[in-house]
PDB file of N, CA and C in Angstrom:
ATOM      1  N   MET A   1     -96.753 -50.716 -56.485  1.00  0.00           N
ATOM      2  CA  MET A   1     -96.143 -51.930 -55.959  1.00  0.00           C
ATOM      3  C   MET A   1     -94.684 -51.993 -56.397  1.00  0.00           C
ATOM      4  N   LYS A   2     -93.806 -52.307 -55.464  1.00  0.00           N
ATOM      5  CA  LYS A   2     -92.389 -52.383 -55.782  1.00  0.00           C
ATOM      6  C   LYS A   2     -92.099 -53.584 -56.665  1.00  0.00           C
ATOM      7  N   SER A   3     -91.026 -53.459 -57.410  1.00  0.00           N
ATOM      8  CA  SER A   3     -90.617 -54.526 -58.329  1.00  0.00           C
ATOM      9  C   SER A   3     -89.370 -55.248 -57.834  1.00  0.00           C
ATOM     10  N   PHE A   4     -89.032 -55.010 -56.557  1.00  0.00           N
ATOM     11  CA  PHE A   4     -87.876 -55.656 -55.940  1.00  0.00           C
ATOM     12  C   PHE A   4     -88.110 -55.705 -54.434  1.00  0.00           C
ATOM     13  N   ILE A   5     -87.338 -56.558 -53.749  1.00  0.00           N
ATOM     14  CA  ILE A   5     -87.462 -56.677 -52.300  1.00  0.00           C
ATOM     15  C   ILE A   5     -86.125 -56.320 -51.646  1.00  0.00           C
ATOM     16  N   ILE A   6     -86.201 -55.377 -50.719  1.00  0.00           N
ATOM     17  CA  ILE A   6     -85.108 -55.079 -49.787  1.00  0.00           C
ATOM     18  C   ILE A   6     -85.779 -55.061 -48.418  1.00  0.00           C
ATOM     19  N   VAL A   7     -85.345 -55.921 -47.506  1.00  0.00           N
ATOM     20  CA  VAL A   7     -85.994 -56.042 -46.212  1.00  0.00           C
ATOM     21  C   VAL A   7     -85.346 -55.159 -45.154  1.00  0.00           C
ATOM     22  N   SER A   8     -84.029 -55.022 -45.233  1.00  0.00           N
ATOM     23  CA  SER A   8     -83.299 -54.348 -44.165  1.00  0.00           C
ATOM     24  C   SER A   8     -82.240 -53.420 -44.740  1.00  0.00           C
ATOM     25  N   GLU A   9     -81.888 -52.410 -43.970  1.00  0.00           N
ATOM     26  CA  GLU A   9     -80.787 -51.537 -44.380  1.00  0.00           C
ATOM     27  C   GLU A   9     -79.464 -52.300 -44.365  1.00  0.00           C
ATOM     28  N   LYS A  10     -79.424 -53.467 -43.726  1.00  0.00           N
ATOM     29  CA  LYS A  10     -78.231 -54.322 -43.723  1.00  0.00           C
ATOM     30  C   LYS A  10     -78.038 -55.032 -45.070  1.00  0.00           C
ATOM     31  N   ASP A  11     -79.117 -55.200 -45.829  1.00  0.00           N
ATOM     32  CA  ASP A  11     -79.052 -55.939 -47.095  1.00  0.00           C
ATOM     33  C   ASP A  11     -78.099 -55.275 -48.073  1.00  0.00           C
ATOM     34  N   ASN A  12     -77.233 -56.082 -48.698  1.00  0.00           N
ATOM     35  CA  ASN A  12     -76.389 -55.547 -49.771  1.00  0.00           C
ATOM     36  C   ASN A  12     -76.773 -56.144 -51.124  1.00  0.00           C
ATOM     37  N   VAL A  13     -77.851 -56.928 -51.127  1.00  0.00           N
ATOM     38  CA  VAL A  13     -78.469 -57.405 -52.367  1.00  0.00           C
ATOM     39  C   VAL A  13     -79.968 -57.206 -52.273  1.00  0.00           C
ATOM     40  N   ALA A  14     -80.608 -57.118 -53.432  1.00  0.00           N
ATOM     41  CA  ALA A  14     -82.064 -57.049 -53.516  1.00  0.00           C
ATOM     42  C   ALA A  14     -82.527 -58.203 -54.394  1.00  0.00           C
ATOM     43  N   THR A  15     -83.780 -58.591 -54.235  1.00  0.00           N
ATOM     44  CA  THR A  15     -84.371 -59.647 -55.042  1.00  0.00           C
ATOM     45  C   THR A  15     -85.358 -59.026 -56.025  1.00  0.00           C
ATOM     46  N   ALA A  16     -85.182 -59.364 -57.305  1.00  0.00           N
ATOM     47  CA  ALA A  16     -86.065 -58.849 -58.357  1.00  0.00           C
ATOM     48  C   ALA A  16     -87.418 -59.554 -58.303  1.00  0.00           C
ATOM     49  N   LEU A  17     -88.493 -58.797 -58.459  1.00  0.00           N
ATOM     50  CA  LEU A  17     -89.843 -59.359 -58.511  1.00  0.00           C
ATOM     51  C   LEU A  17     -90.399 -59.382 -59.927  1.00  0.00           C
ATOM     52  N   ARG A  18     -89.573 -58.958 -60.873  1.00  0.00           N
ATOM     53  CA  ARG A  18     -89.902 -59.047 -62.296  1.00  0.00           C
ATOM     54  C   ARG A  18     -88.583 -59.088 -63.056  1.00  0.00           C
ATOM     55  N   ASN A  19     -88.636 -59.378 -64.324  1.00  0.00           N
ATOM     56  CA  ASN A  19     -87.421 -59.368 -65.140  1.00  0.00           C
ATOM     57  C   ASN A  19     -86.974 -57.927 -65.368  1.00  0.00           C
ATOM     58  N   PHE A  20     -85.675 -57.704 -65.244  1.00  0.00           N
ATOM     59  CA  PHE A  20     -85.082 -56.397 -65.512  1.00  0.00           C
ATOM     60  C   PHE A  20     -84.046 -56.537 -66.618  1.00  0.00           C
ATOM     61  N   LYS A  21     -83.850 -55.474 -67.370  1.00  0.00           N
ATOM     62  CA  LYS A  21     -82.849 -55.441 -68.434  1.00  0.00           C
ATOM     63  C   LYS A  21     -81.623 -54.660 -67.981  1.00  0.00           C
ATOM     64  N   LYS A  22     -80.473 -55.084 -68.477  1.00  0.00           N
ATOM     65  CA  LYS A  22     -79.226 -54.367 -68.245  1.00  0.00           C
ATOM     66  C   LYS A  22     -79.438 -52.889 -68.572  1.00  0.00           C
ATOM     67  N   GLY A  23     -78.931 -52.023 -67.713  1.00  0.00           N
ATOM     68  CA  GLY A  23     -79.046 -50.582 -67.936  1.00  0.00           C
ATOM     69  C   GLY A  23     -80.210 -49.938 -67.205  1.00  0.00           C
ATOM     70  N   GLU A  24     -81.207 -50.725 -66.779  1.00  0.00           N
ATOM     71  CA  GLU A  24     -82.311 -50.149 -66.018  1.00  0.00           C
ATOM     72  C   GLU A  24     -81.805 -49.680 -64.659  1.00  0.00           C
ATOM     73  N   GLU A  25     -82.438 -48.641 -64.129  1.00  0.00           N
ATOM     74  CA  GLU A  25     -82.118 -48.190 -62.788  1.00  0.00           C
ATOM     75  C   GLU A  25     -83.164 -48.743 -61.841  1.00  0.00           C
ATOM     76  N   VAL A  26     -82.686 -49.498 -60.857  1.00  0.00           N
ATOM     77  CA  VAL A  26     -83.560 -50.159 -59.888  1.00  0.00           C
ATOM     78  C   VAL A  26     -82.959 -49.943 -58.504  1.00  0.00           C
ATOM     79  N   ALA A  27     -83.743 -49.500 -57.562  1.00  0.00           N
ATOM     80  CA  ALA A  27     -83.277 -49.267 -56.189  1.00  0.00           C
ATOM     81  C   ALA A  27     -82.041 -48.363 -56.175  1.00  0.00           C
ATOM     82  N   ASN A  28     -82.053 -47.347 -57.026  1.00  0.00           N
ATOM     83  CA  ASN A  28     -80.947 -46.381 -57.130  1.00  0.00           C
ATOM     84  C   ASN A  28     -79.644 -47.002 -57.611  1.00  0.00           C
ATOM     85  N   VAL A  29     -79.744 -48.122 -58.344  1.00  0.00           N
ATOM     86  CA  VAL A  29     -78.582 -48.813 -58.892  1.00  0.00           C
ATOM     87  C   VAL A  29     -78.831 -49.061 -60.375  1.00  0.00           C
ATOM     88  N   ARG A  30     -77.835 -48.767 -61.215  1.00  0.00           N
ATOM     89  CA  ARG A  30     -77.931 -49.085 -62.646  1.00  0.00           C
ATOM     90  C   ARG A  30     -77.456 -50.522 -62.835  1.00  0.00           C
ATOM     91  N   LEU A  31     -78.338 -51.365 -63.399  1.00  0.00           N
ATOM     92  CA  LEU A  31     -78.021 -52.783 -63.546  1.00  0.00           C
ATOM     93  C   LEU A  31     -76.962 -53.018 -64.610  1.00  0.00           C
ATOM     94  N   LYS A  32     -76.012 -53.869 -64.284  1.00  0.00           N
ATOM     95  CA  LYS A  32     -74.924 -54.215 -65.192  1.00  0.00           C
ATOM     96  C   LYS A  32     -75.219 -55.492 -65.981  1.00  0.00           C
ATOM     97  N   ASN A  33     -76.285 -56.198 -65.596  1.00  0.00           N
ATOM     98  CA  ASN A  33     -76.693 -57.436 -66.257  1.00  0.00           C
ATOM     99  C   ASN A  33     -78.206 -57.480 -66.329  1.00  0.00           C
ATOM    100  N   ASP A  34     -78.747 -58.316 -67.224  1.00  0.00           N
ATOM    101  CA  ASP A  34     -80.162 -58.654 -67.148  1.00  0.00           C
ATOM    102  C   ASP A  34     -80.362 -59.416 -65.844  1.00  0.00           C
ATOM    103  N   ILE A  35     -81.465 -59.158 -65.157  1.00  0.00           N
ATOM    104  CA  ILE A  35     -81.774 -59.841 -63.900  1.00  0.00           C
ATOM    105  C   ILE A  35     -83.155 -60.472 -64.036  1.00  0.00           C
ATOM    106  N   ALA A  36     -83.207 -61.792 -63.892  1.00  0.00           N
ATOM    107  CA  ALA A  36     -84.479 -62.512 -63.984  1.00  0.00           C
ATOM    108  C   ALA A  36     -85.247 -62.383 -62.675  1.00  0.00           C
ATOM    109  N   SER A  37     -86.559 -62.431 -62.781  1.00  0.00           N
ATOM    110  CA  SER A  37     -87.416 -62.400 -61.603  1.00  0.00           C
ATOM    111  C   SER A  37     -86.994 -63.497 -60.623  1.00  0.00           C
ATOM    112  N   GLY A  38     -86.878 -63.129 -59.353  1.00  0.00           N
ATOM    113  CA  GLY A  38     -86.480 -64.079 -58.322  1.00  0.00           C
ATOM    114  C   GLY A  38     -84.987 -64.118 -58.066  1.00  0.00           C
ATOM    115  N   HIS A  39     -84.219 -63.450 -58.916  1.00  0.00           N
ATOM    116  CA  HIS A  39     -82.767 -63.440 -58.751  1.00  0.00           C
ATOM    117  C   HIS A  39     -82.323 -62.180 -58.027  1.00  0.00           C
ATOM    118  N   LYS A  40     -81.077 -62.209 -57.543  1.00  0.00           N
ATOM    119  CA  LYS A  40     -80.526 -61.119 -56.748  1.00  0.00           C
ATOM    120  C   LYS A  40     -79.612 -60.223 -57.574  1.00  0.00           C
ATOM    121  N   PHE A  41     -79.521 -58.955 -57.158  1.00  0.00           N
ATOM    122  CA  PHE A  41     -78.535 -58.033 -57.715  1.00  0.00           C
ATOM    123  C   PHE A  41     -77.928 -57.228 -56.570  1.00  0.00           C
ATOM    124  N   ALA A  42     -76.669 -56.839 -56.760  1.00  0.00           N
ATOM    125  CA  ALA A  42     -75.943 -56.111 -55.718  1.00  0.00           C
ATOM    126  C   ALA A  42     -76.427 -54.670 -55.620  1.00  0.00           C
ATOM    127  N   LEU A  43     -76.645 -54.227 -54.401  1.00  0.00           N
ATOM    128  CA  LEU A  43     -77.047 -52.842 -54.143  1.00  0.00           C
ATOM    129  C   LEU A  43     -75.850 -51.922 -53.979  1.00  0.00           C
ATOM    130  N   LYS A  44     -74.701 -52.509 -53.686  1.00  0.00           N
ATOM    131  CA  LYS A  44     -73.455 -51.765 -53.505  1.00  0.00           C
ATOM    132  C   LYS A  44     -72.324 -52.697 -53.902  1.00  0.00           C
ATOM    133  N   ASP A  45     -71.143 -52.163 -54.021  1.00  0.00           N
ATOM    134  CA  ASP A  45     -69.984 -53.013 -54.291  1.00  0.00           C
ATOM    135  C   ASP A  45     -69.783 -53.961 -53.112  1.00  0.00           C
ATOM    136  N   ILE A  46     -69.520 -55.220 -53.432  1.00  0.00           N
ATOM    137  CA  ILE A  46     -69.253 -56.247 -52.429  1.00  0.00           C
ATOM    138  C   ILE A  46     -67.869 -56.811 -52.746  1.00  0.00           C
ATOM    139  N   LYS A  47     -66.978 -56.756 -51.805  1.00  0.00           N
ATOM    140  CA  LYS A  47     -65.607 -57.231 -52.018  1.00  0.00           C
ATOM    141  C   LYS A  47     -65.533 -58.749 -51.872  1.00  0.00           C
ATOM    142  N   ALA A  48     -64.529 -59.354 -52.518  1.00  0.00           N
ATOM    143  CA  ALA A  48     -64.293 -60.793 -52.393  1.00  0.00           C
ATOM    144  C   ALA A  48     -64.210 -61.167 -50.918  1.00  0.00           C
ATOM    145  N   ASN A  49     -64.844 -62.267 -50.573  1.00  0.00           N
ATOM    146  CA  ASN A  49     -64.894 -62.816 -49.203  1.00  0.00           C
ATOM    147  C   ASN A  49     -65.806 -62.038 -48.253  1.00  0.00           C
ATOM    148  N   GLU A  50     -66.424 -60.970 -48.722  1.00  0.00           N
ATOM    149  CA  GLU A  50     -67.372 -60.220 -47.900  1.00  0.00           C
ATOM    150  C   GLU A  50     -68.691 -60.980 -47.836  1.00  0.00           C
ATOM    151  N   ALA A  51     -69.418 -60.810 -46.739  1.00  0.00           N
ATOM    152  CA  ALA A  51     -70.717 -61.448 -46.573  1.00  0.00           C
ATOM    153  C   ALA A  51     -71.737 -60.867 -47.554  1.00  0.00           C
ATOM    154  N   VAL A  52     -72.576 -61.735 -48.087  1.00  0.00           N
ATOM    155  CA  VAL A  52     -73.712 -61.340 -48.914  1.00  0.00           C
ATOM    156  C   VAL A  52     -74.927 -61.397 -47.991  1.00  0.00           C
ATOM    157  N   VAL A  53     -75.626 -60.262 -47.856  1.00  0.00           N
ATOM    158  CA  VAL A  53     -76.714 -60.141 -46.888  1.00  0.00           C
ATOM    159  C   VAL A  53     -78.032 -59.921 -47.618  1.00  0.00           C
ATOM    160  N   LYS A  54     -78.981 -60.825 -47.374  1.00  0.00           N
ATOM    161  CA  LYS A  54     -80.323 -60.766 -47.968  1.00  0.00           C
ATOM    162  C   LYS A  54     -81.330 -60.989 -46.845  1.00  0.00           C
ATOM    163  N   TYR A  55     -82.359 -60.168 -46.793  1.00  0.00           N
ATOM    164  CA  TYR A  55     -83.383 -60.264 -45.741  1.00  0.00           C
ATOM    165  C   TYR A  55     -82.755 -60.167 -44.343  1.00  0.00           C
ATOM    166  N   ALA A  56     -81.716 -59.329 -44.208  1.00  0.00           N
ATOM    167  CA  ALA A  56     -81.008 -59.070 -42.947  1.00  0.00           C
ATOM    168  C   ALA A  56     -80.228 -60.276 -42.443  1.00  0.00           C
ATOM    169  N   GLU A  57     -80.017 -61.281 -43.282  1.00  0.00           N
ATOM    170  CA  GLU A  57     -79.277 -62.479 -42.903  1.00  0.00           C
ATOM    171  C   GLU A  57     -78.106 -62.698 -43.858  1.00  0.00           C
ATOM    172  N   ILE A  58     -76.986 -63.155 -43.318  1.00  0.00           N
ATOM    173  CA  ILE A  58     -75.860 -63.528 -44.172  1.00  0.00           C
ATOM    174  C   ILE A  58     -76.219 -64.837 -44.856  1.00  0.00           C
ATOM    175  N   ILE A  59     -76.225 -64.820 -46.195  1.00  0.00           N
ATOM    176  CA  ILE A  59     -76.621 -66.008 -46.949  1.00  0.00           C
ATOM    177  C   ILE A  59     -75.464 -66.652 -47.702  1.00  0.00           C
ATOM    178  N   ALA A  60     -74.374 -65.910 -47.866  1.00  0.00           N
ATOM    179  CA  ALA A  60     -73.266 -66.417 -48.677  1.00  0.00           C
ATOM    180  C   ALA A  60     -72.055 -65.528 -48.481  1.00  0.00           C
ATOM    181  N   SER A  61     -70.979 -65.930 -49.162  1.00  0.00           N
ATOM    182  CA  SER A  61     -69.746 -65.147 -49.194  1.00  0.00           C
ATOM    183  C   SER A  61     -69.401 -64.887 -50.660  1.00  0.00           C
ATOM    184  N   ALA A  62     -68.961 -63.694 -50.960  1.00  0.00           N
ATOM    185  CA  ALA A  62     -68.598 -63.357 -52.346  1.00  0.00           C
ATOM    186  C   ALA A  62     -67.319 -64.084 -52.742  1.00  0.00           C
ATOM    187  N   ASN A  63     -67.311 -64.732 -53.913  1.00  0.00           N
ATOM    188  CA  ASN A  63     -66.125 -65.417 -54.437  1.00  0.00           C
ATOM    189  C   ASN A  63     -65.146 -64.437 -55.071  1.00  0.00           C
ATOM    190  N   CYS A  64     -65.657 -63.282 -55.458  1.00  0.00           N
ATOM    191  CA  CYS A  64     -64.871 -62.281 -56.170  1.00  0.00           C
ATOM    192  C   CYS A  64     -65.498 -60.925 -55.877  1.00  0.00           C
ATOM    193  N   ASP A  65     -64.865 -59.867 -56.327  1.00  0.00           N
ATOM    194  CA  ASP A  65     -65.479 -58.547 -56.194  1.00  0.00           C
ATOM    195  C   ASP A  65     -66.743 -58.510 -57.059  1.00  0.00           C
ATOM    196  N   ILE A  66     -67.817 -57.985 -56.483  1.00  0.00           N
ATOM    197  CA  ILE A  66     -69.094 -57.849 -57.185  1.00  0.00           C
ATOM    198  C   ILE A  66     -69.437 -56.370 -57.187  1.00  0.00           C
ATOM    199  N   LYS A  67     -69.676 -55.811 -58.353  1.00  0.00           N
ATOM    200  CA  LYS A  67     -70.000 -54.393 -58.475  1.00  0.00           C
ATOM    201  C   LYS A  67     -71.499 -54.162 -58.257  1.00  0.00           C
ATOM    202  N   ALA A  68     -71.834 -52.990 -57.756  1.00  0.00           N
ATOM    203  CA  ALA A  68     -73.237 -52.613 -57.617  1.00  0.00           C
ATOM    204  C   ALA A  68     -73.928 -52.771 -58.967  1.00  0.00           C
ATOM    205  N   GLY A  69     -75.089 -53.407 -58.968  1.00  0.00           N
ATOM    206  CA  GLY A  69     -75.854 -53.611 -60.189  1.00  0.00           C
ATOM    207  C   GLY A  69     -75.596 -54.937 -60.878  1.00  0.00           C
ATOM    208  N   GLU A  70     -74.617 -55.701 -60.397  1.00  0.00           N
ATOM    209  CA  GLU A  70     -74.333 -57.007 -61.006  1.00  0.00           C
ATOM    210  C   GLU A  70     -75.263 -58.077 -60.454  1.00  0.00           C
ATOM    211  N   TRP A  71     -75.515 -59.073 -61.304  1.00  0.00           N
ATOM    212  CA  TRP A  71     -76.270 -60.255 -60.931  1.00  0.00           C
ATOM    213  C   TRP A  71     -75.490 -61.001 -59.860  1.00  0.00           C
ATOM    214  N   VAL A  72     -76.152 -61.421 -58.793  1.00  0.00           N
ATOM    215  CA  VAL A  72     -75.530 -62.174 -57.710  1.00  0.00           C
ATOM    216  C   VAL A  72     -76.141 -63.567 -57.719  1.00  0.00           C
ATOM    217  N   HIS A  73     -75.302 -64.570 -58.009  1.00  0.00           N
ATOM    218  CA  HIS A  73     -75.789 -65.948 -58.141  1.00  0.00           C
ATOM    219  C   HIS A  73     -74.626 -66.900 -57.898  1.00  0.00           C
ATOM    220  N   ILE A  74     -74.796 -68.158 -58.214  1.00  0.00           N
ATOM    221  CA  ILE A  74     -73.796 -69.177 -57.883  1.00  0.00           C
ATOM    222  C   ILE A  74     -72.451 -68.967 -58.568  1.00  0.00           C
ATOM    223  N   HIS A  75     -72.393 -68.167 -59.603  1.00  0.00           N
ATOM    224  CA  HIS A  75     -71.129 -67.922 -60.293  1.00  0.00           C
ATOM    225  C   HIS A  75     -70.205 -66.965 -59.528  1.00  0.00           C
ATOM    226  N   ASN A  76     -70.765 -66.199 -58.573  1.00  0.00           N
ATOM    227  CA  ASN A  76     -69.916 -65.244 -57.860  1.00  0.00           C
ATOM    228  C   ASN A  76     -70.087 -65.265 -56.335  1.00  0.00           C
ATOM    229  N   ILE A  77     -70.823 -66.266 -55.820  1.00  0.00           N
ATOM    230  CA  ILE A  77     -70.947 -66.435 -54.370  1.00  0.00           C
ATOM    231  C   ILE A  77     -70.840 -67.912 -54.007  1.00  0.00           C
ATOM    232  N   SER A  78     -70.520 -68.153 -52.733  1.00  0.00           N
ATOM    233  CA  SER A  78     -70.512 -69.508 -52.180  1.00  0.00           C
ATOM    234  C   SER A  78     -71.394 -69.521 -50.950  1.00  0.00           C
ATOM    235  N   GLY A  79     -72.258 -70.528 -50.852  1.00  0.00           N
ATOM    236  CA  GLY A  79     -73.089 -70.682 -49.669  1.00  0.00           C
ATOM    237  C   GLY A  79     -72.220 -70.956 -48.454  1.00  0.00           C
ATOM    238  N   ILE A  80     -72.660 -70.494 -47.294  1.00  0.00           N
ATOM    239  CA  ILE A  80     -71.887 -70.696 -46.078  1.00  0.00           C
ATOM    240  C   ILE A  80     -72.688 -71.434 -45.003  1.00  0.00           C
ATOM    241  N   ARG A  81     -73.956 -71.633 -45.218  1.00  0.00           N
ATOM    242  CA  ARG A  81     -74.787 -72.283 -44.212  1.00  0.00           C
ATOM    243  C   ARG A  81     -74.641 -73.794 -44.269  1.00  0.00           C
ATOM    244  N   GLY A  82     -74.523 -74.398 -43.121  1.00  0.00           N
ATOM    245  CA  GLY A  82     -74.492 -75.840 -43.028  1.00  0.00           C
ATOM    246  C   GLY A  82     -73.231 -76.484 -43.602  1.00  0.00           C
ATOM    247  N   ARG A  83     -72.176 -75.713 -43.753  1.00  0.00           N
ATOM    248  CA  ARG A  83     -70.919 -76.235 -44.292  1.00  0.00           C
ATOM    249  C   ARG A  83     -69.949 -76.479 -43.148  1.00  0.00           C
ATOM    250  N   GLY A  84     -69.478 -77.698 -43.011  1.00  0.00           N
ATOM    251  CA  GLY A  84     -68.526 -78.032 -41.969  1.00  0.00           C
ATOM    252  C   GLY A  84     -67.135 -77.468 -42.217  1.00  0.00           C
ATOM    253  N   ASP A  85     -66.867 -77.091 -43.479  1.00  0.00           N
ATOM    254  CA  ASP A  85     -65.539 -76.570 -43.815  1.00  0.00           C
ATOM    255  C   ASP A  85     -65.453 -75.052 -43.670  1.00  0.00           C
ATOM    256  N   LYS A  86     -66.560 -74.407 -43.309  1.00  0.00           N
ATOM    257  CA  LYS A  86     -66.584 -72.947 -43.117  1.00  0.00           C
ATOM    258  C   LYS A  86     -66.983 -72.645 -41.685  1.00  0.00           C
ATOM    259  N   GLU A  87     -66.375 -71.641 -41.102  1.00  0.00           N
ATOM    260  CA  GLU A  87     -66.699 -71.241 -39.736  1.00  0.00           C
ATOM    261  C   GLU A  87     -67.700 -70.123 -39.744  1.00  0.00           C
TER     262      GLU A  87
END
């Protein structure tokens, strides 16, 4: 049984299904942070303002450059759904 979820080849983040420790290799990526179960980590480098794609859907925009293996959460992304100030 896999310990992470990647739904589509479009996804640039994966969702952890268990707790991971910094330095573990998961989905061919060496983690740069501890990742708690249910949280996301980058599968590839994501540039500032680039779309964050999970389950083949754009879920957010990167606030800053995010390196492969980094934790992806509210500290480095902004939601884009349902916002009148974002197109």
